[in-house]
Amino acid sequence: MHRNFEVDESLGNLPVDVIIEFLRGVGDDATADALRGSGGTGQGLRALTGFRPYLATGQALGYVPTQVTDDLVTMVDAAEVDGDRSIVGTRLKVTLDHFYAAGYPGFGTRKILCDFEGKNQIASEDEPLRFGTTLEVRDGQNAGISGVPIFLGMTVGENGIQFEGRTIYVKNDLDDHIMSIFESDAYKRGISLLDRVQPALTPLAAATGNVIKFITTRKHNKQIFSFAMGLDFDGSATSNRLRYGSYVVVQDSGGERIDWSKLRWSRKTRQIVDATSGEPRTDWNFLVLGVSPFSVTMK
């Protein structure tokens, strides 16, 4: 699928000298020195992703089914899920249910801007959608969020839905007043969609995009991770399938494919854990997106 959030703009894909300058700017001289000491090579950068999760540039997508009462829930690769064609033509609610920071640049509490983009398929038209929300989190902790509305009433087309997202580290305190727009009641309610085209959505998406573009161009603010979710019903063997449930988006090193059968989702701790030992996987940044039926009574 075409991507608007370029992977090449993520921190781990930038030139090594740029990464080092950024790290020094946020006070992480130790990692900057380690990267410089590695000779500033791509191989040295890949070695650092083992303990600096924010430098990873790959993505992995797992799936957790709904209506499960056990604490430890079996996870599967989103490409191995059976797509549910019965939801074609219905409307979905997409929510940000969870955010875990294994490691982000800087120290202490980090400010993260989550940027989401999608398309609402109404008849023969595609409405552009754009939504931003902010959160604060420390390394090794879950952000204090649950069920943040993103898109309410997204229509499912014959080919499923397309969805993109990215996380942006915001260091510049001068941007606090700009980011406050995403804390307004209008944004906290998510983007509400109708069963007909809404002309106002196009300029709203453009305005949101312009604000976020301004923030990302400011010194010490950087895109950390971007992902794309093309969720269909019966595409290629490697495409991801759409059905109600939770999609776990992992910022992965892009090396060996994640074996989801060896992992479980803990409903109690809201963590990815090892299926055998029960120990949490604390080496990945990840977020969880919920996909559920939308009711017109939801506001």
Protein backbone atom coordinates (compact mmCIF):
# COMPACT_ATOMS: atom_id res chain seq x y z
CA MET A 1 0.00 0.00 0.00
CA HIS A 2 1.07 3.61 -0.58
CA ARG A 3 2.49 5.20 2.56
CA ASN A 4 2.23 8.85 3.52
CA PHE A 5 4.27 8.43 6.70
CA GLU A 6 7.69 7.66 5.30
CA VAL A 7 9.76 5.03 7.08
CA ASP A 8 12.91 6.85 5.96
CA GLU A 9 11.99 9.78 8.21
CA SER A 10 12.16 7.67 11.37
CA LEU A 11 15.16 8.35 13.61
CA GLY A 12 16.81 4.97 13.04
CA ASN A 13 16.86 5.52 9.27
CA LEU A 14 18.51 8.93 9.35
CA PRO A 15 22.22 9.45 8.60
CA VAL A 16 24.36 8.45 11.56
CA ASP A 17 25.77 11.96 12.03
CA VAL A 18 22.21 13.32 12.23
CA ILE A 19 21.28 10.70 14.83
CA ILE A 20 24.35 11.54 16.92
CA GLU A 21 23.58 15.27 16.78
CA PHE A 22 19.98 14.58 17.82
CA LEU A 23 21.02 12.36 20.73
CA ARG A 24 23.41 15.00 22.03
CA GLY A 25 20.65 17.58 21.72
CA VAL A 26 18.37 15.56 24.02
CA GLY A 27 21.19 14.90 26.49
CA ASP A 28 21.93 11.26 25.61
CA ASP A 29 25.69 11.60 25.18
CA ALA A 30 26.30 7.97 26.19
CA THR A 31 24.40 6.55 23.21
CA ALA A 32 25.87 9.20 20.92
CA ASP A 33 29.37 8.22 22.04
CA ALA A 34 28.59 4.51 21.60
CA LEU A 35 27.38 5.12 18.07
CA ARG A 36 30.39 7.28 17.27
CA GLY A 37 32.64 4.61 18.77
CA SER A 38 31.13 1.98 16.49
CA GLY A 39 32.55 3.86 13.54
CA GLY A 40 29.23 5.40 12.62
CA THR A 41 28.27 2.46 10.44
CA GLY A 42 24.91 0.88 9.73
CA GLN A 43 26.13 -2.27 11.44
CA GLY A 44 26.97 -0.31 14.57
CA LEU A 45 23.52 1.26 14.54
CA ARG A 46 21.83 -2.14 14.24
CA ALA A 47 23.83 -3.37 17.22
CA LEU A 48 22.52 -0.48 19.30
CA THR A 49 18.86 -1.34 18.61
CA GLY A 50 19.25 -4.21 21.07
CA PHE A 51 19.19 -1.77 23.96
CA ARG A 52 17.86 1.38 22.27
CA PRO A 53 14.41 0.31 20.99
CA TYR A 54 13.74 3.75 19.52
CA LEU A 55 16.34 3.09 16.80
CA ALA A 56 14.45 0.06 15.42
CA THR A 57 12.85 0.72 12.03
CA GLY A 58 10.77 -2.39 11.33
CA GLN A 59 7.21 -3.22 12.27
CA ALA A 60 5.41 -6.38 13.30
CA LEU A 61 1.67 -6.80 13.66
CA GLY A 62 0.06 -9.24 16.06
CA TYR A 63 -3.60 -9.90 16.77
CA VAL A 64 -5.49 -10.54 20.01
CA PRO A 65 -9.08 -11.82 19.68
CA THR A 66 -12.08 -10.33 21.45
CA GLN A 67 -14.38 -12.03 23.95
CA VAL A 68 -11.60 -13.85 25.76
CA THR A 69 -11.85 -14.19 29.53
CA ASP A 70 -8.51 -15.85 30.30
CA ASP A 71 -5.77 -13.60 31.64
CA LEU A 72 -3.15 -14.90 29.19
CA VAL A 73 -4.50 -14.69 25.65
CA THR A 74 -2.92 -16.43 22.67
CA MET A 75 -1.50 -14.01 20.11
CA VAL A 76 -1.30 -14.67 16.38
CA ASP A 77 0.28 -12.99 13.39
CA ALA A 78 -2.24 -10.59 11.83
CA ALA A 79 -1.52 -12.20 8.45
CA GLU A 80 -2.78 -15.54 9.78
CA VAL A 81 -6.14 -14.28 11.04
CA ASP A 82 -9.30 -15.21 9.14
CA GLY A 83 -10.77 -12.01 7.70
CA ASP A 84 -14.43 -11.41 8.54
CA ARG A 85 -16.26 -10.42 5.35
CA SER A 86 -19.52 -10.01 7.24
CA ILE A 87 -18.34 -6.57 8.36
CA VAL A 88 -18.05 -5.19 4.79
CA GLY A 89 -20.27 -2.12 4.57
CA THR A 90 -20.50 -1.74 8.35
CA ARG A 91 -18.90 0.98 10.44
CA LEU A 92 -16.00 0.56 12.84
CA LYS A 93 -14.66 2.25 15.93
CA VAL A 94 -10.84 2.47 15.99
CA THR A 95 -9.27 3.27 19.36
CA LEU A 96 -5.80 3.61 20.86
CA ASP A 97 -6.07 1.14 23.73
CA HIS A 98 -2.52 0.89 24.99
CA PHE A 99 0.98 2.34 24.61
CA TYR A 100 4.16 0.85 26.08
CA ALA A 101 7.58 2.52 26.00
CA ALA A 102 10.51 0.14 26.23
CA GLY A 103 12.85 2.99 25.36
CA TYR A 104 12.51 6.49 23.90
CA PRO A 105 15.15 9.20 23.46
CA GLY A 106 16.01 11.41 26.41
CA PHE A 107 15.30 10.87 30.08
CA GLY A 108 12.43 10.96 32.54
CA THR A 109 8.90 11.54 31.33
CA ARG A 110 8.71 11.81 27.53
CA LYS A 111 6.14 13.67 25.46
CA ILE A 112 4.91 11.62 22.53
CA LEU A 113 2.63 12.78 19.72
CA CYS A 114 0.72 9.95 18.04
CA ASP A 115 -0.33 10.79 14.48
CA PHE A 116 -2.92 8.67 12.64
CA GLU A 117 -4.14 8.78 9.07
CA GLY A 118 -6.75 6.76 7.21
CA LYS A 119 -9.48 6.85 4.59
CA ASN A 120 -13.22 6.57 5.01
CA GLN A 121 -14.76 4.82 2.01
CA ILE A 122 -18.15 6.36 1.27
CA ALA A 123 -19.70 5.14 -2.00
CA SER A 124 -17.08 5.88 -4.65
CA GLU A 125 -15.26 8.52 -2.61
CA ASP A 126 -12.43 8.26 -0.09
CA GLU A 127 -12.56 10.81 2.71
CA PRO A 128 -9.10 11.68 4.09
CA LEU A 129 -8.83 11.27 7.85
CA ARG A 130 -6.16 12.66 10.19
CA PHE A 131 -6.04 12.55 13.97
CA GLY A 132 -3.44 13.41 16.58
CA THR A 133 -3.25 12.70 20.29
CA THR A 134 -0.55 13.29 22.89
CA LEU A 135 0.65 11.23 25.82
CA GLU A 136 3.39 11.17 28.43
CA VAL A 137 5.31 8.04 29.35
CA ARG A 138 8.53 6.89 31.00
CA ASP A 139 10.75 4.04 29.82
CA GLY A 140 9.57 0.66 31.02
CA GLN A 141 6.05 1.88 31.70
CA ASN A 142 2.59 1.92 30.15
CA ALA A 143 1.14 5.30 29.24
CA GLY A 144 -1.94 6.26 31.23
CA ILE A 145 -4.40 5.77 28.39
CA SER A 146 -7.18 3.35 27.49
CA GLY A 147 -9.70 3.38 24.67
CA VAL A 148 -8.71 6.77 23.22
CA PRO A 149 -11.12 7.35 20.28
CA ILE A 150 -9.39 7.82 16.94
CA PHE A 151 -11.92 7.21 14.18
CA LEU A 152 -15.59 6.65 15.05
CA GLY A 153 -17.76 5.26 12.25
CA MET A 154 -15.09 4.31 9.69
CA THR A 155 -16.83 2.48 6.83
CA VAL A 156 -15.43 -0.90 5.77
CA GLY A 157 -14.97 -1.21 2.01
CA GLU A 158 -14.81 -4.36 -0.11
CA ASN A 159 -11.04 -4.36 0.28
CA GLY A 160 -11.03 -3.64 4.01
CA ILE A 161 -9.44 -0.52 5.49
CA GLN A 162 -6.15 1.33 5.20
CA PHE A 163 -4.59 2.90 8.23
CA GLU A 164 -1.26 4.51 9.07
CA GLY A 165 0.31 5.82 12.22
CA ARG A 166 3.51 7.17 13.66
CA THR A 167 5.01 8.27 16.96
CA ILE A 168 6.83 11.59 17.28
CA TYR A 169 9.15 12.47 20.16
CA VAL A 170 8.59 16.09 21.20
CA LYS A 171 11.44 17.70 23.12
CA ASN A 172 10.86 21.39 22.41
CA ASP A 173 8.89 22.84 25.34
CA LEU A 174 7.86 25.78 23.17
CA ASP A 175 5.60 23.36 21.28
CA ASP A 176 3.46 22.65 24.34
CA HIS A 177 0.96 25.35 23.48
CA ILE A 178 0.75 24.10 19.90
CA MET A 179 0.19 20.52 21.00
CA SER A 180 -2.56 21.65 23.36
CA ILE A 181 -4.91 21.59 20.36
CA PHE A 182 -4.81 17.79 20.57
CA GLU A 183 -5.93 18.00 24.21
CA SER A 184 -9.08 19.93 23.32
CA ASP A 185 -12.48 18.30 23.79
CA ALA A 186 -12.99 18.18 20.03
CA TYR A 187 -9.89 16.02 19.52
CA LYS A 188 -10.39 13.91 22.63
CA ARG A 189 -13.70 12.73 21.19
CA GLY A 190 -11.98 11.40 18.08
CA ILE A 191 -13.01 11.97 14.47
CA SER A 192 -16.74 11.21 14.16
CA LEU A 193 -17.78 10.00 10.73
CA LEU A 194 -21.19 9.82 9.07
CA ASP A 195 -22.66 7.49 6.48
CA ARG A 196 -22.33 10.26 3.91
CA VAL A 197 -19.47 12.44 2.68
CA GLN A 198 -18.57 15.33 4.99
CA PRO A 199 -16.88 18.16 3.04
CA ALA A 200 -15.40 19.58 6.26
CA LEU A 201 -13.20 16.51 6.82
CA THR A 202 -10.79 17.34 4.00
CA PRO A 203 -9.75 20.78 5.32
CA LEU A 204 -9.71 19.38 8.88
CA ALA A 205 -7.30 16.64 7.83
CA ALA A 206 -5.15 19.19 6.02
CA ALA A 207 -5.09 21.54 9.01
CA THR A 208 -4.16 18.72 11.38
CA GLY A 209 -1.41 17.63 9.01
CA ASN A 210 0.00 21.16 8.81
CA VAL A 211 0.17 21.48 12.61
CA ILE A 212 1.94 18.13 12.95
CA LYS A 213 4.30 18.94 10.08
CA PHE A 214 5.32 22.14 11.87
CA ILE A 215 5.99 20.23 15.08
CA THR A 216 8.12 17.58 13.35
CA THR A 217 10.33 20.20 11.72
CA ARG A 218 11.24 21.80 15.05
CA LYS A 219 14.69 21.16 16.50
CA HIS A 220 14.94 18.07 18.73
CA ASN A 221 11.51 16.79 17.65
CA LYS A 222 11.74 13.56 15.64
CA GLN A 223 9.59 10.84 14.15
CA ILE A 224 10.55 7.67 16.00
CA PHE A 225 8.36 5.02 14.38
CA SER A 226 5.89 4.74 11.53
CA PHE A 227 3.64 1.86 10.58
CA ALA A 228 1.06 0.97 7.95
CA MET A 229 -1.90 -1.35 8.38
CA GLY A 230 -3.61 -2.54 5.23
CA LEU A 231 -6.30 -4.84 6.65
CA ASP A 232 -8.17 -6.89 4.07
CA PHE A 233 -10.07 -10.17 3.85
CA ASP A 234 -8.41 -12.51 1.39
CA GLY A 235 -5.37 -10.82 -0.09
CA SER A 236 -1.87 -12.20 -0.47
CA ALA A 237 -0.36 -14.68 1.96
CA THR A 238 1.58 -11.86 3.64
CA SER A 239 -1.20 -9.26 3.91
CA ASN A 240 -2.99 -8.65 7.20
CA ARG A 241 -6.62 -9.57 7.83
CA LEU A 242 -9.47 -7.50 9.22
CA ARG A 243 -11.84 -8.59 11.97
CA TYR A 244 -12.92 -7.27 15.34
CA GLY A 245 -10.18 -7.47 17.94
CA SER A 246 -6.96 -5.81 19.05
CA TYR A 247 -3.95 -5.23 16.81
CA VAL A 248 -0.58 -5.05 18.54
CA VAL A 249 1.85 -2.87 16.58
CA VAL A 250 5.47 -3.54 17.55
CA GLN A 251 8.45 -1.34 16.70
CA ASP A 252 10.72 -4.19 15.67
CA SER A 253 14.34 -4.40 14.57
CA GLY A 254 13.16 -5.93 11.29
CA GLY A 255 15.41 -8.95 11.70
CA GLU A 256 14.03 -12.36 12.58
CA ARG A 257 10.25 -12.58 12.23
CA ILE A 258 8.39 -12.54 15.55
CA ASP A 259 6.96 -15.94 16.47
CA TRP A 260 3.67 -14.87 18.02
CA SER A 261 2.84 -18.44 19.06
CA LYS A 262 5.53 -18.10 21.74
CA LEU A 263 3.89 -14.99 23.19
CA ARG A 264 0.76 -14.18 25.13
CA TRP A 265 -1.14 -11.01 25.90
CA SER A 266 -1.68 -10.49 29.62
CA ARG A 267 -5.03 -8.80 30.21
CA LYS A 268 -4.07 -8.18 33.83
CA THR A 269 -0.75 -6.41 33.27
CA ARG A 270 -1.48 -5.26 29.68
CA GLN A 271 1.85 -6.62 28.55
CA ILE A 272 3.26 -8.98 25.94
CA VAL A 273 4.65 -11.92 27.90
CA ASP A 274 6.59 -15.09 27.13
CA ALA A 275 4.20 -18.04 26.77
CA THR A 276 6.44 -20.36 28.78
CA SER A 277 7.90 -18.23 31.55
CA GLY A 278 5.24 -15.53 31.77
CA GLU A 279 7.99 -12.90 31.83
CA PRO A 280 7.11 -9.63 30.07
CA ARG A 281 8.85 -8.63 26.85
CA THR A 282 10.27 -5.27 27.81
CA ASP A 283 12.50 -4.77 24.76
CA TRP A 284 9.85 -3.51 22.31
CA ASN A 285 8.03 -0.22 21.99
CA PHE A 286 4.47 -1.08 21.03
CA LEU A 287 0.92 0.20 20.89
CA VAL A 288 -2.44 -1.54 20.72
CA LEU A 289 -5.28 -0.49 18.41
CA GLY A 290 -8.80 -1.72 19.04
CA VAL A 291 -11.20 -2.43 16.17
CA SER A 292 -14.82 -2.85 17.24
CA PRO A 293 -18.38 -2.26 15.96
CA PHE A 294 -19.55 1.34 15.92
CA SER A 295 -22.96 2.33 17.22
CA VAL A 296 -24.65 5.61 16.31
CA THR A 297 -25.29 6.08 20.04
CA MET A 298 -21.52 6.40 20.61
CA LYS A 299 -20.47 10.01 20.97
